Amino acid sequence: MIAIPTIEERLAFARAHVEWGRGVIARQQQYVRELRESGHDTEAEKLLAAEKLLAVFERTQKVFERDLADLEKRRWALQQPRLDPGSEN
Protein backbone atom coordinates (compact mmCIF):
# COMPACT_ATOMS: atom_id res chain seq x y z
CA MET A 1 0.00 0.00 0.00
CA ILE A 2 1.30 3.44 -0.92
CA ALA A 3 1.13 6.04 1.83
CA ILE A 4 -0.08 9.44 0.69
CA PRO A 5 1.95 12.17 2.42
CA THR A 6 0.11 14.65 4.58
CA ILE A 7 0.20 18.36 3.81
CA GLU A 8 2.64 18.79 6.73
CA GLU A 9 4.96 16.10 5.32
CA ARG A 10 4.83 17.72 1.89
CA LEU A 11 5.56 21.11 3.43
CA ALA A 12 8.56 19.73 5.31
CA PHE A 13 9.90 18.19 2.11
CA ALA A 14 9.34 21.42 0.15
CA ARG A 15 11.05 23.51 2.84
CA ALA A 16 14.04 21.16 2.78
CA HIS A 17 14.18 21.44 -1.02
CA VAL A 18 14.15 25.24 -0.83
CA GLU A 19 16.93 25.28 1.76
CA TRP A 20 18.99 22.77 -0.21
CA GLY A 21 18.54 24.84 -3.36
CA ARG A 22 19.70 28.00 -1.59
CA GLY A 23 22.89 26.22 -0.59
CA VAL A 24 23.50 24.97 -4.13
CA ILE A 25 23.03 28.49 -5.49
CA ALA A 26 25.35 30.02 -2.90
CA ARG A 27 28.10 27.54 -3.76
CA GLN A 28 27.67 28.11 -7.48
CA GLN A 29 27.71 31.89 -7.01
CA GLN A 30 30.96 31.56 -5.09
CA TYR A 31 32.44 29.43 -7.86
CA VAL A 32 31.42 32.01 -10.49
CA ARG A 33 32.98 34.80 -8.37
CA GLU A 34 36.22 32.84 -8.06
CA LEU A 35 36.37 32.25 -11.81
CA ARG A 36 35.74 35.94 -12.52
CA GLU A 37 38.40 37.00 -10.04
CA SER A 38 40.98 34.61 -11.50
CA GLY A 39 40.95 36.68 -14.68
CA HIS A 40 42.68 33.98 -16.73
CA ASP A 41 41.63 33.65 -20.35
CA THR A 42 41.76 29.88 -19.94
CA GLU A 43 38.92 30.19 -17.41
CA ALA A 44 36.53 31.96 -19.84
CA GLU A 45 34.93 28.74 -21.03
CA LYS A 46 34.55 27.46 -17.47
CA LEU A 47 33.04 30.80 -16.44
CA LEU A 48 30.44 30.68 -19.21
CA ALA A 49 29.46 27.12 -18.30
CA ALA A 50 29.34 28.02 -14.58
CA GLU A 51 27.10 31.03 -15.26
CA LYS A 52 24.75 28.96 -17.39
CA LEU A 53 24.53 26.32 -14.68
CA LEU A 54 23.87 29.01 -12.07
CA ALA A 55 20.98 30.28 -14.21
CA VAL A 56 19.53 26.75 -14.32
CA PHE A 57 19.84 26.45 -10.53
CA GLU A 58 18.12 29.82 -10.07
CA ARG A 59 15.22 28.86 -12.36
CA THR A 60 14.85 25.54 -10.55
CA GLN A 61 14.88 27.36 -7.21
CA LYS A 62 11.97 29.51 -8.35
CA VAL A 63 10.00 26.32 -9.03
CA PHE A 64 10.86 24.99 -5.55
CA GLU A 65 9.80 28.27 -3.94
CA ARG A 66 6.54 28.47 -5.92
CA ASP A 67 5.75 24.90 -4.89
CA LEU A 68 6.37 25.74 -1.24
CA ALA A 69 4.18 28.86 -1.46
CA ASP A 70 1.41 26.82 -3.11
CA LEU A 71 1.56 24.17 -0.37
CA GLU A 72 1.43 26.87 2.32
CA LYS A 73 -1.69 28.34 0.68
CA ARG A 74 -3.27 24.89 0.53
CA ARG A 75 -2.55 24.27 4.20
CA TRP A 76 -4.05 27.65 5.08
CA ALA A 77 -7.17 26.82 3.06
CA LEU A 78 -7.48 23.43 4.76
CA GLN A 79 -7.35 25.12 8.17
CA GLN A 80 -10.24 27.48 7.42
CA PRO A 81 -13.63 26.58 8.89
CA ARG A 82 -16.04 25.15 6.39
CA LEU A 83 -19.52 26.56 6.10
CA ASP A 84 -22.32 24.04 6.26
CA PRO A 85 -24.34 24.43 3.02
CA GLY A 86 -27.55 24.00 5.04
CA SER A 87 -26.70 26.68 7.59
CA GLU A 88 -27.92 30.26 7.46
CA ASN A 89 -24.38 31.73 7.76
C-alpha atoms as a PDB file:
ATOM      1  CA  MET A   1       0.000   0.000   0.000  1.00  0.00           C
ATOM      2  CA  ILE A   2       1.300   3.445  -0.924  1.00  0.00           C
ATOM      3  CA  ALA A   3       1.134   6.043   1.827  1.00  0.00           C
ATOM      4  CA  ILE A   4      -0.081   9.436   0.691  1.00  0.00           C
ATOM      5  CA  PRO A   5       1.945  12.168   2.419  1.00  0.00           C
ATOM      6  CA  THR A   6       0.107  14.654   4.583  1.00  0.00           C
ATOM      7  CA  ILE A   7       0.200  18.357   3.809  1.00  0.00           C
ATOM      8  CA  GLU A   8       2.641  18.788   6.726  1.00  0.00           C
ATOM      9  CA  GLU A   9       4.958  16.101   5.321  1.00  0.00           C
ATOM     10  CA  ARG A  10       4.831  17.717   1.895  1.00  0.00           C
ATOM     11  CA  LEU A  11       5.560  21.113   3.432  1.00  0.00           C
ATOM     12  CA  ALA A  12       8.558  19.732   5.307  1.00  0.00           C
ATOM     13  CA  PHE A  13       9.903  18.189   2.114  1.00  0.00           C
ATOM     14  CA  ALA A  14       9.344  21.418   0.146  1.00  0.00           C
ATOM     15  CA  ARG A  15      11.054  23.515   2.843  1.00  0.00           C
ATOM     16  CA  ALA A  16      14.037  21.161   2.778  1.00  0.00           C
ATOM     17  CA  HIS A  17      14.179  21.438  -1.021  1.00  0.00           C
ATOM     18  CA  VAL A  18      14.149  25.241  -0.830  1.00  0.00           C
ATOM     19  CA  GLU A  19      16.928  25.284   1.761  1.00  0.00           C
ATOM     20  CA  TRP A  20      18.990  22.773  -0.208  1.00  0.00           C
ATOM     21  CA  GLY A  21      18.540  24.844  -3.364  1.00  0.00           C
ATOM     22  CA  ARG A  22      19.704  28.001  -1.594  1.00  0.00           C
ATOM     23  CA  GLY A  23      22.894  26.215  -0.590  1.00  0.00           C
ATOM     24  CA  VAL A  24      23.502  24.975  -4.134  1.00  0.00           C
ATOM     25  CA  ILE A  25      23.027  28.494  -5.494  1.00  0.00           C
ATOM     26  CA  ALA A  26      25.347  30.024  -2.897  1.00  0.00           C
ATOM     27  CA  ARG A  27      28.103  27.538  -3.756  1.00  0.00           C
ATOM     28  CA  GLN A  28      27.666  28.106  -7.483  1.00  0.00           C
ATOM     29  CA  GLN A  29      27.705  31.891  -7.014  1.00  0.00           C
ATOM     30  CA  GLN A  30      30.962  31.560  -5.090  1.00  0.00           C
ATOM     31  CA  TYR A  31      32.444  29.429  -7.864  1.00  0.00           C
ATOM     32  CA  VAL A  32      31.417  32.010 -10.490  1.00  0.00           C
ATOM     33  CA  ARG A  33      32.982  34.801  -8.374  1.00  0.00           C
ATOM     34  CA  GLU A  34      36.225  32.836  -8.063  1.00  0.00           C
ATOM     35  CA  LEU A  35      36.372  32.246 -11.806  1.00  0.00           C
ATOM     36  CA  ARG A  36      35.736  35.944 -12.518  1.00  0.00           C
ATOM     37  CA  GLU A  37      38.398  36.996 -10.039  1.00  0.00           C
ATOM     38  CA  SER A  38      40.983  34.611 -11.498  1.00  0.00           C
ATOM     39  CA  GLY A  39      40.952  36.679 -14.680  1.00  0.00           C
ATOM     40  CA  HIS A  40      42.683  33.976 -16.735  1.00  0.00           C
ATOM     41  CA  ASP A  41      41.628  33.653 -20.352  1.00  0.00           C
ATOM     42  CA  THR A  42      41.760  29.879 -19.937  1.00  0.00           C
ATOM     43  CA  GLU A  43      38.920  30.189 -17.407  1.00  0.00           C
ATOM     44  CA  ALA A  44      36.533  31.959 -19.841  1.00  0.00           C
ATOM     45  CA  GLU A  45      34.926  28.738 -21.034  1.00  0.00           C
ATOM     46  CA  LYS A  46      34.554  27.464 -17.471  1.00  0.00           C
ATOM     47  CA  LEU A  47      33.039  30.799 -16.442  1.00  0.00           C
ATOM     48  CA  LEU A  48      30.438  30.680 -19.214  1.00  0.00           C
ATOM     49  CA  ALA A  49      29.463  27.123 -18.296  1.00  0.00           C
ATOM     50  CA  ALA A  50      29.336  28.017 -14.580  1.00  0.00           C
ATOM     51  CA  GLU A  51      27.104  31.031 -15.259  1.00  0.00           C
ATOM     52  CA  LYS A  52      24.747  28.957 -17.389  1.00  0.00           C
ATOM     53  CA  LEU A  53      24.532  26.315 -14.678  1.00  0.00           C
ATOM     54  CA  LEU A  54      23.867  29.010 -12.074  1.00  0.00           C
ATOM     55  CA  ALA A  55      20.977  30.285 -14.214  1.00  0.00           C
ATOM     56  CA  VAL A  56      19.526  26.752 -14.322  1.00  0.00           C
ATOM     57  CA  PHE A  57      19.837  26.453 -10.534  1.00  0.00           C
ATOM     58  CA  GLU A  58      18.118  29.822 -10.067  1.00  0.00           C
ATOM     59  CA  ARG A  59      15.221  28.860 -12.358  1.00  0.00           C
ATOM     60  CA  THR A  60      14.854  25.544 -10.549  1.00  0.00           C
ATOM     61  CA  GLN A  61      14.883  27.357  -7.206  1.00  0.00           C
ATOM     62  CA  LYS A  62      11.973  29.506  -8.347  1.00  0.00           C
ATOM     63  CA  VAL A  63      10.003  26.323  -9.026  1.00  0.00           C
ATOM     64  CA  PHE A  64      10.856  24.989  -5.548  1.00  0.00           C
ATOM     65  CA  GLU A  65       9.796  28.274  -3.936  1.00  0.00           C
ATOM     66  CA  ARG A  66       6.537  28.473  -5.920  1.00  0.00           C
ATOM     67  CA  ASP A  67       5.747  24.898  -4.887  1.00  0.00           C
ATOM     68  CA  LEU A  68       6.373  25.741  -1.238  1.00  0.00           C
ATOM     69  CA  ALA A  69       4.178  28.857  -1.463  1.00  0.00           C
ATOM     70  CA  ASP A  70       1.412  26.816  -3.107  1.00  0.00           C
ATOM     71  CA  LEU A  71       1.561  24.175  -0.368  1.00  0.00           C
ATOM     72  CA  GLU A  72       1.428  26.867   2.317  1.00  0.00           C
ATOM     73  CA  LYS A  73      -1.687  28.335   0.676  1.00  0.00           C
ATOM     74  CA  ARG A  74      -3.275  24.888   0.530  1.00  0.00           C
ATOM     75  CA  ARG A  75      -2.553  24.271   4.201  1.00  0.00           C
ATOM     76  CA  TRP A  76      -4.053  27.646   5.081  1.00  0.00           C
ATOM     77  CA  ALA A  77      -7.172  26.820   3.056  1.00  0.00           C
ATOM     78  CA  LEU A  78      -7.484  23.434   4.762  1.00  0.00           C
ATOM     79  CA  GLN A  79      -7.348  25.116   8.168  1.00  0.00           C
ATOM     80  CA  GLN A  80     -10.241  27.476   7.422  1.00  0.00           C
ATOM     81  CA  PRO A  81     -13.634  26.583   8.886  1.00  0.00           C
ATOM     82  CA  ARG A  82     -16.036  25.148   6.387  1.00  0.00           C
ATOM     83  CA  LEU A  83     -19.519  26.559   6.103  1.00  0.00           C
ATOM     84  CA  ASP A  84     -22.323  24.042   6.261  1.00  0.00           C
ATOM     85  CA  PRO A  85     -24.342  24.428   3.025  1.00  0.00           C
ATOM     86  CA  GLY A  86     -27.552  24.002   5.041  1.00  0.00           C
ATOM     87  CA  SER A  87     -26.703  26.677   7.590  1.00  0.00           C
ATOM     88  CA  GLU A  88     -27.921  30.264   7.462  1.00  0.00           C
ATOM     89  CA  ASN A  89     -24.378  31.729   7.759  1.00  0.00           C
END
